């Protein structure tokens, strides 16, 4: 109410543009000034769900390289067999690698 009154006094709002409610509010002012009270929110009691792990393509490559260097450190296998054994070791850990150019299943 006071803001609209002040805006009308300074000429920002013309008397012809005053809000419809202004005359009613001026004729019948409320006994208490309207007050906005922010609703009280209770602290969250809901248990937060665990965020699922995100497994990117780069993680598969990183896992392959780590496993490859681990197996290469044993110096038991030759180069071609080392790739196959690395793939098999990752498969037992649940990481499925696909051949280059193969369509994803």
C-alpha atoms as a PDB file:
ATOM      1  CA  UNK A   1       0.000   0.000   0.000  1.00  0.00           C
ATOM      2  CA  UNK A   2       2.689   2.476   1.000  1.00  0.00           C
ATOM      3  CA  UNK A   3       4.771   1.657  -2.052  1.00  0.00           C
ATOM      4  CA  UNK A   4       1.885   2.262  -4.443  1.00  0.00           C
ATOM      5  CA  UNK A   5       0.982   5.504  -2.628  1.00  0.00           C
ATOM      6  CA  UNK A   6       4.574   6.738  -2.858  1.00  0.00           C
ATOM      7  CA  UNK A   7       4.837   5.755  -6.517  1.00  0.00           C
ATOM      8  CA  UNK A   8       1.661   7.710  -7.247  1.00  0.00           C
ATOM      9  CA  UNK A   9       2.965  10.773  -5.343  1.00  0.00           C
ATOM     10  CA  UNK A  10       6.233  10.801  -7.299  1.00  0.00           C
ATOM     11  CA  UNK A  11       4.440  10.371 -10.614  1.00  0.00           C
ATOM     12  CA  UNK A  12       5.810   6.938 -11.511  1.00  0.00           C
ATOM     13  CA  UNK A  13       2.240   5.591 -11.476  1.00  0.00           C
ATOM     14  CA  UNK A  14      -0.414   7.872 -12.944  1.00  0.00           C
ATOM     15  CA  UNK A  15      -3.723   8.135 -11.072  1.00  0.00           C
ATOM     16  CA  UNK A  16      -5.454   6.520 -14.051  1.00  0.00           C
ATOM     17  CA  UNK A  17      -3.070   3.502 -13.769  1.00  0.00           C
ATOM     18  CA  UNK A  18      -3.531   2.855 -10.054  1.00  0.00           C
ATOM     19  CA  UNK A  19      -4.397  -0.740  -9.108  1.00  0.00           C
ATOM     20  CA  UNK A  20      -8.058  -1.717  -8.736  1.00  0.00           C
ATOM     21  CA  UNK A  21      -7.623  -2.698  -5.102  1.00  0.00           C
ATOM     22  CA  UNK A  22      -6.069   0.620  -4.055  1.00  0.00           C
ATOM     23  CA  UNK A  23      -9.337   2.511  -3.332  1.00  0.00           C
ATOM     24  CA  UNK A  24     -10.827  -0.432  -1.402  1.00  0.00           C
ATOM     25  CA  UNK A  25      -7.653  -0.869   0.616  1.00  0.00           C
ATOM     26  CA  UNK A  26      -7.604   2.864   1.402  1.00  0.00           C
ATOM     27  CA  UNK A  27     -11.277   2.890   2.427  1.00  0.00           C
ATOM     28  CA  UNK A  28     -11.079  -0.273   4.529  1.00  0.00           C
ATOM     29  CA  UNK A  29      -7.540  -0.683   5.782  1.00  0.00           C
ATOM     30  CA  UNK A  30      -6.743  -3.936   7.591  1.00  0.00           C
ATOM     31  CA  UNK A  31      -6.455  -3.866  11.372  1.00  0.00           C
ATOM     32  CA  UNK A  32      -3.004  -5.475  11.125  1.00  0.00           C
ATOM     33  CA  UNK A  33      -0.539  -4.835   8.348  1.00  0.00           C
ATOM     34  CA  UNK A  34      -0.247  -7.849   6.048  1.00  0.00           C
ATOM     35  CA  UNK A  35       2.921  -9.732   6.780  1.00  0.00           C
ATOM     36  CA  UNK A  36       4.528 -12.412   4.691  1.00  0.00           C
ATOM     37  CA  UNK A  37       5.888 -15.222   6.811  1.00  0.00           C
ATOM     38  CA  UNK A  38       8.150 -17.740   5.203  1.00  0.00           C
ATOM     39  CA  UNK A  39       6.712 -21.222   5.662  1.00  0.00           C
ATOM     40  CA  UNK A  40       8.608 -23.287   8.201  1.00  0.00           C
ATOM     41  CA  UNK A  41      10.292 -26.272   6.626  1.00  0.00           C
ATOM     42  CA  UNK A  42      11.205 -29.314   8.615  1.00  0.00           C
ATOM     43  CA  UNK A  43      14.662 -30.761   8.236  1.00  0.00           C
ATOM     44  CA  UNK A  44      14.776 -33.587   5.773  1.00  0.00           C
ATOM     45  CA  UNK A  45      14.226 -36.865   7.606  1.00  0.00           C
ATOM     46  CA  UNK A  46      14.278 -38.909   4.427  1.00  0.00           C
ATOM     47  CA  UNK A  47      17.352 -41.069   4.020  1.00  0.00           C
ATOM     48  CA  UNK A  48      19.390 -40.073   1.047  1.00  0.00           C
ATOM     49  CA  UNK A  49      19.702 -42.752  -1.559  1.00  0.00           C
ATOM     50  CA  UNK A  50      23.146 -43.877  -2.593  1.00  0.00           C
ATOM     51  CA  UNK A  51      24.266 -42.474  -5.918  1.00  0.00           C
ATOM     52  CA  UNK A  52      24.875 -45.301  -8.382  1.00  0.00           C
ATOM     53  CA  UNK A  53      28.357 -45.606  -9.769  1.00  0.00           C
ATOM     54  CA  UNK A  54      28.765 -44.239 -13.253  1.00  0.00           C
ATOM     55  CA  UNK A  55      31.015 -46.286 -15.479  1.00  0.00           C
ATOM     56  CA  UNK A  56      32.333 -44.399 -18.490  1.00  0.00           C
ATOM     57  CA  UNK A  57      34.077 -45.791 -21.534  1.00  0.00           C
ATOM     58  CA  UNK A  58      37.300 -44.161 -20.319  1.00  0.00           C
ATOM     59  CA  UNK A  59      37.046 -46.207 -17.116  1.00  0.00           C
ATOM     60  CA  UNK A  60      37.058 -49.424 -19.170  1.00  0.00           C
ATOM     61  CA  UNK A  61      40.160 -48.272 -20.994  1.00  0.00           C
ATOM     62  CA  UNK A  62      41.833 -47.289 -17.734  1.00  0.00           C
ATOM     63  CA  UNK A  63      40.943 -50.681 -16.200  1.00  0.00           C
ATOM     64  CA  UNK A  64      42.414 -52.436 -19.254  1.00  0.00           C
ATOM     65  CA  UNK A  65      45.641 -50.464 -19.089  1.00  0.00           C
ATOM     66  CA  UNK A  66      46.006 -51.063 -15.345  1.00  0.00           C
ATOM     67  CA  UNK A  67      45.361 -54.796 -15.685  1.00  0.00           C
ATOM     68  CA  UNK A  68      47.666 -54.999 -18.735  1.00  0.00           C
ATOM     69  CA  UNK A  69      50.572 -53.362 -16.906  1.00  0.00           C
ATOM     70  CA  UNK A  70      49.939 -55.600 -13.893  1.00  0.00           C
ATOM     71  CA  UNK A  71      50.104 -58.767 -16.028  1.00  0.00           C
ATOM     72  CA  UNK A  72      53.042 -57.458 -18.033  1.00  0.00           C
ATOM     73  CA  UNK A  73      54.955 -56.971 -14.785  1.00  0.00           C
ATOM     74  CA  UNK A  74      54.841 -60.744 -14.258  1.00  0.00           C
ATOM     75  CA  UNK A  75      56.774 -61.238 -17.566  1.00  0.00           C
ATOM     76  CA  UNK A  76      55.177 -64.649 -18.092  1.00  0.00           C
ATOM     77  CA  UNK A  77      53.251 -64.047 -21.311  1.00  0.00           C
ATOM     78  CA  UNK A  78      54.214 -62.840 -24.748  1.00  0.00           C
ATOM     79  CA  UNK A  79      52.589 -59.739 -26.255  1.00  0.00           C
ATOM     80  CA  UNK A  80      49.692 -61.372 -28.189  1.00  0.00           C
ATOM     81  CA  UNK A  81      48.710 -63.667 -25.327  1.00  0.00           C
ATOM     82  CA  UNK A  82      48.964 -60.770 -22.892  1.00  0.00           C
ATOM     83  CA  UNK A  83      46.064 -58.950 -24.584  1.00  0.00           C
ATOM     84  CA  UNK A  84      43.857 -62.039 -24.441  1.00  0.00           C
ATOM     85  CA  UNK A  85      44.677 -62.712 -20.795  1.00  0.00           C
ATOM     86  CA  UNK A  86      43.993 -59.088 -19.889  1.00  0.00           C
ATOM     87  CA  UNK A  87      40.555 -59.317 -21.530  1.00  0.00           C
ATOM     88  CA  UNK A  88      39.788 -62.560 -19.693  1.00  0.00           C
ATOM     89  CA  UNK A  89      40.933 -61.117 -16.347  1.00  0.00           C
ATOM     90  CA  UNK A  90      38.676 -58.065 -16.819  1.00  0.00           C
ATOM     91  CA  UNK A  91      35.767 -60.303 -17.832  1.00  0.00           C
ATOM     92  CA  UNK A  92      36.027 -62.148 -14.516  1.00  0.00           C
ATOM     93  CA  UNK A  93      35.838 -58.740 -12.781  1.00  0.00           C
ATOM     94  CA  UNK A  94      32.650 -57.886 -14.699  1.00  0.00           C
ATOM     95  CA  UNK A  95      34.138 -55.548 -17.294  1.00  0.00           C
ATOM     96  CA  UNK A  96      33.126 -56.569 -20.811  1.00  0.00           C
ATOM     97  CA  UNK A  97      35.357 -55.261 -23.574  1.00  0.00           C
ATOM     98  CA  UNK A  98      34.297 -55.342 -27.208  1.00  0.00           C
ATOM     99  CA  UNK A  99      36.432 -55.575 -30.259  1.00  0.00           C
ATOM    100  CA  UNK A 100      37.081 -52.473 -32.293  1.00  0.00           C
ATOM    101  CA  UNK A 101      34.302 -51.870 -34.809  1.00  0.00           C
ATOM    102  CA  UNK A 102      31.968 -54.425 -33.234  1.00  0.00           C
ATOM    103  CA  UNK A 103      28.435 -53.328 -32.482  1.00  0.00           C
ATOM    104  CA  UNK A 104      27.523 -52.994 -28.804  1.00  0.00           C
ATOM    105  CA  UNK A 105      25.288 -55.774 -27.503  1.00  0.00           C
END
